[in-house]
Amino acid sequence: MSDFFRSLARGIQSMGDEPEGERYAVAGKFVACTHCQRDRFVEGSALLNTAGMSFMNLDWANRAAATLTCTNCGRIEWFLSDPQAEGE
């Protein structure tokens, strides 16, 4: 049981840490935040829900967009094509 509490304590301590992030390129150009001009992001994805598909309870069938969240200011940039990390 003590392992659980140690893991919980480490998780709580790390909540304040800023993620390091990576540099990404889309369509051959490196991405920079349009708000703070930093170039480190954390990649994610989001569904592009439509009213018709939601009405029919088919949200899972909607297209997805790639998101890059700036590690400095938190601005989210959206892309229909997949971003490529610098090391890929």
PDB file of N, CA and C in Angstrom:
ATOM      1  N   MET A   1       0.818  -1.198   0.000  1.00  0.00           N
ATOM      2  CA  MET A   1       0.000   0.000   0.000  1.00  0.00           C
ATOM      3  C   MET A   1       0.857   1.256   0.000  1.00  0.00           C
ATOM      4  N   SER A   2       2.038   1.186   0.582  1.00  0.00           N
ATOM      5  CA  SER A   2       2.891   2.372   0.633  1.00  0.00           C
ATOM      6  C   SER A   2       3.374   2.761  -0.767  1.00  0.00           C
ATOM      7  N   ASP A   3       3.501   1.794  -1.686  1.00  0.00           N
ATOM      8  CA  ASP A   3       3.875   2.121  -3.070  1.00  0.00           C
ATOM      9  C   ASP A   3       2.818   3.002  -3.714  1.00  0.00           C
ATOM     10  N   PHE A   4       1.567   2.730  -3.398  1.00  0.00           N
ATOM     11  CA  PHE A   4       0.481   3.543  -3.936  1.00  0.00           C
ATOM     12  C   PHE A   4       0.628   4.997  -3.500  1.00  0.00           C
ATOM     13  N   PHE A   5       0.897   5.214  -2.214  1.00  0.00           N
ATOM     14  CA  PHE A   5       1.003   6.576  -1.707  1.00  0.00           C
ATOM     15  C   PHE A   5       2.250   7.290  -2.220  1.00  0.00           C
ATOM     16  N   ARG A   6       3.344   6.538  -2.395  1.00  0.00           N
ATOM     17  CA  ARG A   6       4.547   7.144  -2.984  1.00  0.00           C
ATOM     18  C   ARG A   6       4.292   7.562  -4.427  1.00  0.00           C
ATOM     19  N   SER A   7       3.618   6.704  -5.179  1.00  0.00           N
ATOM     20  CA  SER A   7       3.283   7.033  -6.575  1.00  0.00           C
ATOM     21  C   SER A   7       2.342   8.225  -6.636  1.00  0.00           C
ATOM     22  N   LEU A   8       1.384   8.251  -5.740  1.00  0.00           N
ATOM     23  CA  LEU A   8       0.447   9.368  -5.681  1.00  0.00           C
ATOM     24  C   LEU A   8       1.175  10.675  -5.363  1.00  0.00           C
ATOM     25  N   ALA A   9       2.099  10.644  -4.420  1.00  0.00           N
ATOM     26  CA  ALA A   9       2.875  11.839  -4.055  1.00  0.00           C
ATOM     27  C   ALA A   9       3.721  12.317  -5.233  1.00  0.00           C
ATOM     28  N   ARG A  10       4.358  11.388  -5.964  1.00  0.00           N
ATOM     29  CA  ARG A  10       5.162  11.775  -7.140  1.00  0.00           C
ATOM     30  C   ARG A  10       4.284  12.399  -8.212  1.00  0.00           C
ATOM     31  N   GLY A  11       3.088  11.843  -8.407  1.00  0.00           N
ATOM     32  CA  GLY A  11       2.167  12.401  -9.394  1.00  0.00           C
ATOM     33  C   GLY A  11       1.735  13.807  -9.039  1.00  0.00           C
ATOM     34  N   ILE A  12       1.451  14.039  -7.781  1.00  0.00           N
ATOM     35  CA  ILE A  12       1.034  15.374  -7.343  1.00  0.00           C
ATOM     36  C   ILE A  12       2.173  16.369  -7.488  1.00  0.00           C
ATOM     37  N   GLN A  13       3.396  15.953  -7.161  1.00  0.00           N
ATOM     38  CA  GLN A  13       4.551  16.846  -7.294  1.00  0.00           C
ATOM     39  C   GLN A  13       4.806  17.212  -8.748  1.00  0.00           C
ATOM     40  N   SER A  14       4.595  16.260  -9.657  1.00  0.00           N
ATOM     41  CA  SER A  14       4.894  16.518 -11.069  1.00  0.00           C
ATOM     42  C   SER A  14       3.824  17.345 -11.753  1.00  0.00           C
ATOM     43  N   MET A  15       2.674  17.558 -11.115  1.00  0.00           N
ATOM     44  CA  MET A  15       1.605  18.328 -11.742  1.00  0.00           C
ATOM     45  C   MET A  15       2.030  19.765 -12.030  1.00  0.00           C
ATOM     46  N   GLY A  16       2.928  20.315 -11.262  1.00  0.00           N
ATOM     47  CA  GLY A  16       3.374  21.685 -11.477  1.00  0.00           C
ATOM     48  C   GLY A  16       4.493  21.801 -12.488  1.00  0.00           C
ATOM     49  N   ASP A  17       5.090  20.671 -12.889  1.00  0.00           N
ATOM     50  CA  ASP A  17       6.200  20.703 -13.843  1.00  0.00           C
ATOM     51  C   ASP A  17       5.701  21.009 -15.241  1.00  0.00           C
ATOM     52  N   GLU A  18       6.426  21.874 -15.936  1.00  0.00           N
ATOM     53  CA  GLU A  18       6.090  22.196 -17.323  1.00  0.00           C
ATOM     54  C   GLU A  18       6.599  21.080 -18.218  1.00  0.00           C
ATOM     55  N   PRO A  19       5.766  20.535 -19.119  1.00  0.00           N
ATOM     56  CA  PRO A  19       6.245  19.489 -20.020  1.00  0.00           C
ATOM     57  C   PRO A  19       7.302  20.054 -20.970  1.00  0.00           C
ATOM     58  N   GLU A  20       8.278  19.227 -21.286  1.00  0.00           N
ATOM     59  CA  GLU A  20       9.380  19.672 -22.143  1.00  0.00           C
ATOM     60  C   GLU A  20       8.937  19.911 -23.574  1.00  0.00           C
ATOM     61  N   GLY A  21       8.178  18.991 -24.123  1.00  0.00           N
ATOM     62  CA  GLY A  21       7.677  19.143 -25.484  1.00  0.00           C
ATOM     63  C   GLY A  21       8.720  18.865 -26.551  1.00  0.00           C
ATOM     64  N   GLU A  22       8.273  18.877 -27.794  1.00  0.00           N
ATOM     65  CA  GLU A  22       9.130  18.627 -28.947  1.00  0.00           C
ATOM     66  C   GLU A  22       8.872  19.676 -30.016  1.00  0.00           C
ATOM     67  N   ARG A  23       9.784  19.748 -30.982  1.00  0.00           N
ATOM     68  CA  ARG A  23       9.572  20.601 -32.155  1.00  0.00           C
ATOM     69  C   ARG A  23       8.846  19.766 -33.200  1.00  0.00           C
ATOM     70  N   TYR A  24       7.912  20.403 -33.917  1.00  0.00           N
ATOM     71  CA  TYR A  24       7.125  19.701 -34.931  1.00  0.00           C
ATOM     72  C   TYR A  24       7.145  20.476 -36.237  1.00  0.00           C
ATOM     73  N   ALA A  25       6.985  19.731 -37.333  1.00  0.00           N
ATOM     74  CA  ALA A  25       6.865  20.329 -38.659  1.00  0.00           C
ATOM     75  C   ALA A  25       5.553  19.851 -39.282  1.00  0.00           C
ATOM     76  N   VAL A  26       4.889  20.748 -40.005  1.00  0.00           N
ATOM     77  CA  VAL A  26       3.686  20.428 -40.762  1.00  0.00           C
ATOM     78  C   VAL A  26       3.877  20.986 -42.155  1.00  0.00           C
ATOM     79  N   ALA A  27       3.651  20.153 -43.159  1.00  0.00           N
ATOM     80  CA  ALA A  27       3.812  20.551 -44.565  1.00  0.00           C
ATOM     81  C   ALA A  27       5.205  21.127 -44.823  1.00  0.00           C
ATOM     82  N   GLY A  28       6.206  20.541 -44.196  1.00  0.00           N
ATOM     83  CA  GLY A  28       7.584  20.937 -44.444  1.00  0.00           C
ATOM     84  C   GLY A  28       8.049  22.192 -43.714  1.00  0.00           C
ATOM     85  N   LYS A  29       7.231  22.784 -42.852  1.00  0.00           N
ATOM     86  CA  LYS A  29       7.614  23.988 -42.111  1.00  0.00           C
ATOM     87  C   LYS A  29       7.518  23.718 -40.616  1.00  0.00           C
ATOM     88  N   PHE A  30       8.515  24.199 -39.863  1.00  0.00           N
ATOM     89  CA  PHE A  30       8.459  24.049 -38.420  1.00  0.00           C
ATOM     90  C   PHE A  30       7.363  24.941 -37.851  1.00  0.00           C
ATOM     91  N   VAL A  31       6.684  24.422 -36.835  1.00  0.00           N
ATOM     92  CA  VAL A  31       5.572  25.131 -36.206  1.00  0.00           C
ATOM     93  C   VAL A  31       6.097  25.982 -35.061  1.00  0.00           C
ATOM     94  N   ALA A  32       5.638  27.229 -34.999  1.00  0.00           N
ATOM     95  CA  ALA A  32       5.931  28.125 -33.883  1.00  0.00           C
ATOM     96  C   ALA A  32       4.607  28.654 -33.362  1.00  0.00           C
ATOM     97  N   CYS A  33       4.527  28.848 -32.064  1.00  0.00           N
ATOM     98  CA  CYS A  33       3.298  29.343 -31.451  1.00  0.00           C
ATOM     99  C   CYS A  33       3.019  30.763 -31.957  1.00  0.00           C
ATOM    100  N   THR A  34       1.798  31.004 -32.382  1.00  0.00           N
ATOM    101  CA  THR A  34       1.444  32.332 -32.896  1.00  0.00           C
ATOM    102  C   THR A  34       1.248  33.347 -31.771  1.00  0.00           C
ATOM    103  N   HIS A  35       1.202  32.880 -30.534  1.00  0.00           N
ATOM    104  CA  HIS A  35       1.025  33.791 -29.404  1.00  0.00           C
ATOM    105  C   HIS A  35       2.362  34.191 -28.773  1.00  0.00           C
ATOM    106  N   CYS A  36       3.212  33.196 -28.455  1.00  0.00           N
ATOM    107  CA  CYS A  36       4.467  33.504 -27.745  1.00  0.00           C
ATOM    108  C   CYS A  36       5.724  33.202 -28.563  1.00  0.00           C
ATOM    109  N   GLN A  37       5.572  32.672 -29.774  1.00  0.00           N
ATOM    110  CA  GLN A  37       6.649  32.365 -30.708  1.00  0.00           C
ATOM    111  C   GLN A  37       7.585  31.236 -30.249  1.00  0.00           C
ATOM    112  N   ARG A  38       7.219  30.491 -29.220  1.00  0.00           N
ATOM    113  CA  ARG A  38       8.030  29.337 -28.806  1.00  0.00           C
ATOM    114  C   ARG A  38       7.799  28.192 -29.780  1.00  0.00           C
ATOM    115  N   ASP A  39       8.689  27.180 -29.754  1.00  0.00           N
ATOM    116  CA  ASP A  39       8.588  26.088 -30.722  1.00  0.00           C
ATOM    117  C   ASP A  39       8.531  24.705 -30.078  1.00  0.00           C
ATOM    118  N   ARG A  40       8.088  24.613 -28.837  1.00  0.00           N
ATOM    119  CA  ARG A  40       7.968  23.318 -28.151  1.00  0.00           C
ATOM    120  C   ARG A  40       6.493  23.027 -27.881  1.00  0.00           C
ATOM    121  N   PHE A  41       6.050  21.847 -28.313  1.00  0.00           N
ATOM    122  CA  PHE A  41       4.645  21.480 -28.228  1.00  0.00           C
ATOM    123  C   PHE A  41       4.473  20.058 -27.711  1.00  0.00           C
ATOM    124  N   VAL A  42       3.284  19.777 -27.213  1.00  0.00           N
ATOM    125  CA  VAL A  42       2.856  18.422 -26.861  1.00  0.00           C
ATOM    126  C   VAL A  42       1.735  18.063 -27.834  1.00  0.00           C
ATOM    127  N   GLU A  43       1.866  16.907 -28.480  1.00  0.00           N
ATOM    128  CA  GLU A  43       0.897  16.497 -29.501  1.00  0.00           C
ATOM    129  C   GLU A  43      -0.317  15.826 -28.874  1.00  0.00           C
ATOM    130  N   GLY A  44      -1.472  16.056 -29.492  1.00  0.00           N
ATOM    131  CA  GLY A  44      -2.717  15.425 -29.065  1.00  0.00           C
ATOM    132  C   GLY A  44      -3.634  15.288 -30.257  1.00  0.00           C
ATOM    133  N   SER A  45      -4.880  14.917 -30.003  1.00  0.00           N
ATOM    134  CA  SER A  45      -5.863  14.828 -31.091  1.00  0.00           C
ATOM    135  C   SER A  45      -7.237  15.167 -30.545  1.00  0.00           C
ATOM    136  N   ALA A  46      -8.135  15.538 -31.446  1.00  0.00           N
ATOM    137  CA  ALA A  46      -9.500  15.893 -31.077  1.00  0.00           C
ATOM    138  C   ALA A  46     -10.436  15.505 -32.214  1.00  0.00           C
ATOM    139  N   LEU A  47     -11.632  15.049 -31.855  1.00  0.00           N
ATOM    140  CA  LEU A  47     -12.637  14.729 -32.867  1.00  0.00           C
ATOM    141  C   LEU A  47     -13.311  16.005 -33.357  1.00  0.00           C
ATOM    142  N   LEU A  48     -13.600  16.047 -34.634  1.00  0.00           N
ATOM    143  CA  LEU A  48     -14.310  17.172 -35.230  1.00  0.00           C
ATOM    144  C   LEU A  48     -15.778  16.773 -35.360  1.00  0.00           C
ATOM    145  N   ASN A  49     -16.505  16.870 -34.270  1.00  0.00           N
ATOM    146  CA  ASN A  49     -17.903  16.427 -34.231  1.00  0.00           C
ATOM    147  C   ASN A  49     -18.798  17.285 -35.115  1.00  0.00           C
ATOM    148  N   THR A  50     -19.789  16.618 -35.706  1.00  0.00           N
ATOM    149  CA  THR A  50     -20.799  17.312 -36.494  1.00  0.00           C
ATOM    150  C   THR A  50     -22.166  17.038 -35.869  1.00  0.00           C
ATOM    151  N   ALA A  51     -23.096  17.942 -36.065  1.00  0.00           N
ATOM    152  CA  ALA A  51     -24.427  17.802 -35.465  1.00  0.00           C
ATOM    153  C   ALA A  51     -25.135  16.544 -35.956  1.00  0.00           C
ATOM    154  N   GLY A  52     -25.034  16.246 -37.258  1.00  0.00           N
ATOM    155  CA  GLY A  52     -25.716  15.078 -37.819  1.00  0.00           C
ATOM    156  C   GLY A  52     -25.201  13.776 -37.240  1.00  0.00           C
ATOM    157  N   MET A  53     -23.885  13.644 -37.144  1.00  0.00           N
ATOM    158  CA  MET A  53     -23.309  12.417 -36.602  1.00  0.00           C
ATOM    159  C   MET A  53     -23.602  12.298 -35.107  1.00  0.00           C
ATOM    160  N   SER A  54     -23.603  13.413 -34.392  1.00  0.00           N
ATOM    161  CA  SER A  54     -23.948  13.385 -32.966  1.00  0.00           C
ATOM    162  C   SER A  54     -25.405  12.979 -32.776  1.00  0.00           C
ATOM    163  N   PHE A  55     -26.286  13.482 -33.642  1.00  0.00           N
ATOM    164  CA  PHE A  55     -27.711  13.149 -33.563  1.00  0.00           C
ATOM    165  C   PHE A  55     -27.929  11.647 -33.724  1.00  0.00           C
ATOM    166  N   MET A  56     -27.139  11.026 -34.617  1.00  0.00           N
ATOM    167  CA  MET A  56     -27.276   9.592 -34.856  1.00  0.00           C
ATOM    168  C   MET A  56     -26.405   8.763 -33.920  1.00  0.00           C
ATOM    169  N   ASN A  57     -25.774   9.422 -32.949  1.00  0.00           N
ATOM    170  CA  ASN A  57     -24.902   8.760 -31.972  1.00  0.00           C
ATOM    171  C   ASN A  57     -23.718   8.075 -32.650  1.00  0.00           C
ATOM    172  N   LEU A  58     -23.169   8.731 -33.680  1.00  0.00           N
ATOM    173  CA  LEU A  58     -22.026   8.198 -34.424  1.00  0.00           C
ATOM    174  C   LEU A  58     -20.814   9.132 -34.328  1.00  0.00           C
ATOM    175  N   ASP A  59     -20.621   9.752 -33.177  1.00  0.00           N
ATOM    176  CA  ASP A  59     -19.491  10.672 -33.008  1.00  0.00           C
ATOM    177  C   ASP A  59     -18.147  10.025 -33.333  1.00  0.00           C
ATOM    178  N   TRP A  60     -18.028   8.731 -33.052  1.00  0.00           N
ATOM    179  CA  TRP A  60     -16.775   8.021 -33.293  1.00  0.00           C
ATOM    180  C   TRP A  60     -16.391   8.020 -34.776  1.00  0.00           C
ATOM    181  N   ALA A  61     -17.349   8.231 -35.670  1.00  0.00           N
ATOM    182  CA  ALA A  61     -17.078   8.180 -37.112  1.00  0.00           C
ATOM    183  C   ALA A  61     -16.626   9.530 -37.684  1.00  0.00           C
ATOM    184  N   ASN A  62     -16.603  10.575 -36.874  1.00  0.00           N
ATOM    185  CA  ASN A  62     -16.149  11.883 -37.350  1.00  0.00           C
ATOM    186  C   ASN A  62     -14.645  11.894 -37.576  1.00  0.00           C
ATOM    187  N   ARG A  63     -14.198  12.838 -38.381  1.00  0.00           N
ATOM    188  CA  ARG A  63     -12.757  13.011 -38.617  1.00  0.00           C
ATOM    189  C   ARG A  63     -12.079  13.501 -37.358  1.00  0.00           C
ATOM    190  N   ALA A  64     -10.789  13.265 -37.276  1.00  0.00           N
ATOM    191  CA  ALA A  64      -9.993  13.749 -36.146  1.00  0.00           C
ATOM    192  C   ALA A  64      -8.993  14.778 -36.649  1.00  0.00           C
ATOM    193  N   ALA A  65      -8.613  15.690 -35.779  1.00  0.00           N
ATOM    194  CA  ALA A  65      -7.593  16.688 -36.078  1.00  0.00           C
ATOM    195  C   ALA A  65      -6.437  16.498 -35.101  1.00  0.00           C
ATOM    196  N   ALA A  66      -5.235  16.766 -35.569  1.00  0.00           N
ATOM    197  CA  ALA A  66      -4.068  16.742 -34.684  1.00  0.00           C
ATOM    198  C   ALA A  66      -3.979  18.090 -33.980  1.00  0.00           C
ATOM    199  N   THR A  67      -3.627  18.070 -32.708  1.00  0.00           N
ATOM    200  CA  THR A  67      -3.450  19.311 -31.962  1.00  0.00           C
ATOM    201  C   THR A  67      -2.031  19.377 -31.427  1.00  0.00           C
ATOM    202  N   LEU A  68      -1.483  20.572 -31.411  1.00  0.00           N
ATOM    203  CA  LEU A  68      -0.189  20.831 -30.784  1.00  0.00           C
ATOM    204  C   LEU A  68      -0.408  21.895 -29.722  1.00  0.00           C
ATOM    205  N   THR A  69      -0.120  21.574 -28.468  1.00  0.00           N
ATOM    206  CA  THR A  69      -0.301  22.498 -27.358  1.00  0.00           C
ATOM    207  C   THR A  69       1.050  23.076 -26.966  1.00  0.00           C
ATOM    208  N   CYS A  70       1.167  24.390 -26.981  1.00  0.00           N
ATOM    209  CA  CYS A  70       2.406  25.075 -26.638  1.00  0.00           C
ATOM    210  C   CYS A  70       2.736  24.823 -25.162  1.00  0.00           C
ATOM    211  N   THR A  71       3.962  24.414 -24.881  1.00  0.00           N
ATOM    212  CA  THR A  71       4.355  24.131 -23.505  1.00  0.00           C
ATOM    213  C   THR A  71       4.612  25.405 -22.713  1.00  0.00           C
ATOM    214  N   ASN A  72       4.707  26.541 -23.391  1.00  0.00           N
ATOM    215  CA  ASN A  72       4.957  27.804 -22.696  1.00  0.00           C
ATOM    216  C   ASN A  72       3.661  28.501 -22.284  1.00  0.00           C
ATOM    217  N   CYS A  73       2.771  28.738 -23.250  1.00  0.00           N
ATOM    218  CA  CYS A  73       1.565  29.528 -22.950  1.00  0.00           C
ATOM    219  C   CYS A  73       0.273  28.717 -22.978  1.00  0.00           C
ATOM    220  N   GLY A  74       0.309  27.503 -23.530  1.00  0.00           N
ATOM    221  CA  GLY A  74      -0.872  26.656 -23.549  1.00  0.00           C
ATOM    222  C   GLY A  74      -1.762  26.814 -24.766  1.00  0.00           C
ATOM    223  N   ARG A  75      -1.394  27.680 -25.702  1.00  0.00           N
ATOM    224  CA  ARG A  75      -2.199  27.843 -26.919  1.00  0.00           C
ATOM    225  C   ARG A  75      -2.235  26.525 -27.683  1.00  0.00           C
ATOM    226  N   ILE A  76      -3.396  26.199 -28.251  1.00  0.00           N
ATOM    227  CA  ILE A  76      -3.561  24.969 -29.007  1.00  0.00           C
ATOM    228  C   ILE A  76      -3.658  25.296 -30.485  1.00  0.00           C
ATOM    229  N   GLU A  77      -2.790  24.697 -31.275  1.00  0.00           N
ATOM    230  CA  GLU A  77      -2.804  24.828 -32.729  1.00  0.00           C
ATOM    231  C   GLU A  77      -3.428  23.550 -33.293  1.00  0.00           C
ATOM    232  N   TRP A  78      -4.331  23.686 -34.274  1.00  0.00           N
ATOM    233  CA  TRP A  78      -5.057  22.561 -34.862  1.00  0.00           C
ATOM    234  C   TRP A  78      -4.572  22.313 -36.290  1.00  0.00           C
ATOM    235  N   PHE A  79      -4.441  21.022 -36.673  1.00  0.00           N
ATOM    236  CA  PHE A  79      -3.992  20.642 -38.013  1.00  0.00           C
ATOM    237  C   PHE A  79      -4.783  19.436 -38.496  1.00  0.00           C
ATOM    238  N   LEU A  80      -5.162  19.429 -39.776  1.00  0.00           N
ATOM    239  CA  LEU A  80      -5.806  18.262 -40.358  1.00  0.00           C
ATOM    240  C   LEU A  80      -4.790  17.216 -40.775  1.00  0.00           C
ATOM    241  N   SER A  81      -3.563  17.646 -41.108  1.00  0.00           N
ATOM    242  CA  SER A  81      -2.510  16.680 -41.433  1.00  0.00           C
ATOM    243  C   SER A  81      -1.669  16.414 -40.184  1.00  0.00           C
ATOM    244  N   ASP A  82      -1.068  15.237 -40.119  1.00  0.00           N
ATOM    245  CA  ASP A  82      -0.305  14.849 -38.939  1.00  0.00           C
ATOM    246  C   ASP A  82       1.027  15.594 -38.860  1.00  0.00           C
ATOM    247  N   PRO A  83       1.311  16.217 -37.729  1.00  0.00           N
ATOM    248  CA  PRO A  83       2.612  16.864 -37.529  1.00  0.00           C
ATOM    249  C   PRO A  83       3.717  15.820 -37.383  1.00  0.00           C
ATOM    250  N   GLN A  84       4.896  16.154 -37.836  1.00  0.00           N
ATOM    251  CA  GLN A  84       6.057  15.267 -37.704  1.00  0.00           C
ATOM    252  C   GLN A  84       6.994  15.835 -36.650  1.00  0.00           C
ATOM    253  N   ALA A  85       7.333  15.019 -35.643  1.00  0.00           N
ATOM    254  CA  ALA A  85       8.287  15.449 -34.618  1.00  0.00           C
ATOM    255  C   ALA A  85       9.663  15.598 -35.248  1.00  0.00           C
ATOM    256  N   GLU A  86      10.485  16.442 -34.684  1.00  0.00           N
ATOM    257  CA  GLU A  86      11.798  16.757 -35.247  1.00  0.00           C
ATOM    258  C   GLU A  86      12.658  15.500 -35.455  1.00  0.00           C
ATOM    259  N   GLY A  87      12.610  14.548 -34.554  1.00  0.00           N
ATOM    260  CA  GLY A  87      13.451  13.372 -34.651  1.00  0.00           C
ATOM    261  C   GLY A  87      12.912  12.267 -35.554  1.00  0.00           C
ATOM    262  N   GLU A  88      11.729  12.434 -36.096  1.00  0.00           N
ATOM    263  CA  GLU A  88      11.127  11.368 -36.921  1.00  0.00           C
ATOM    264  C   GLU A  88      11.571  11.433 -38.352  1.00  0.00           C
TER     265      GLU A  88
END
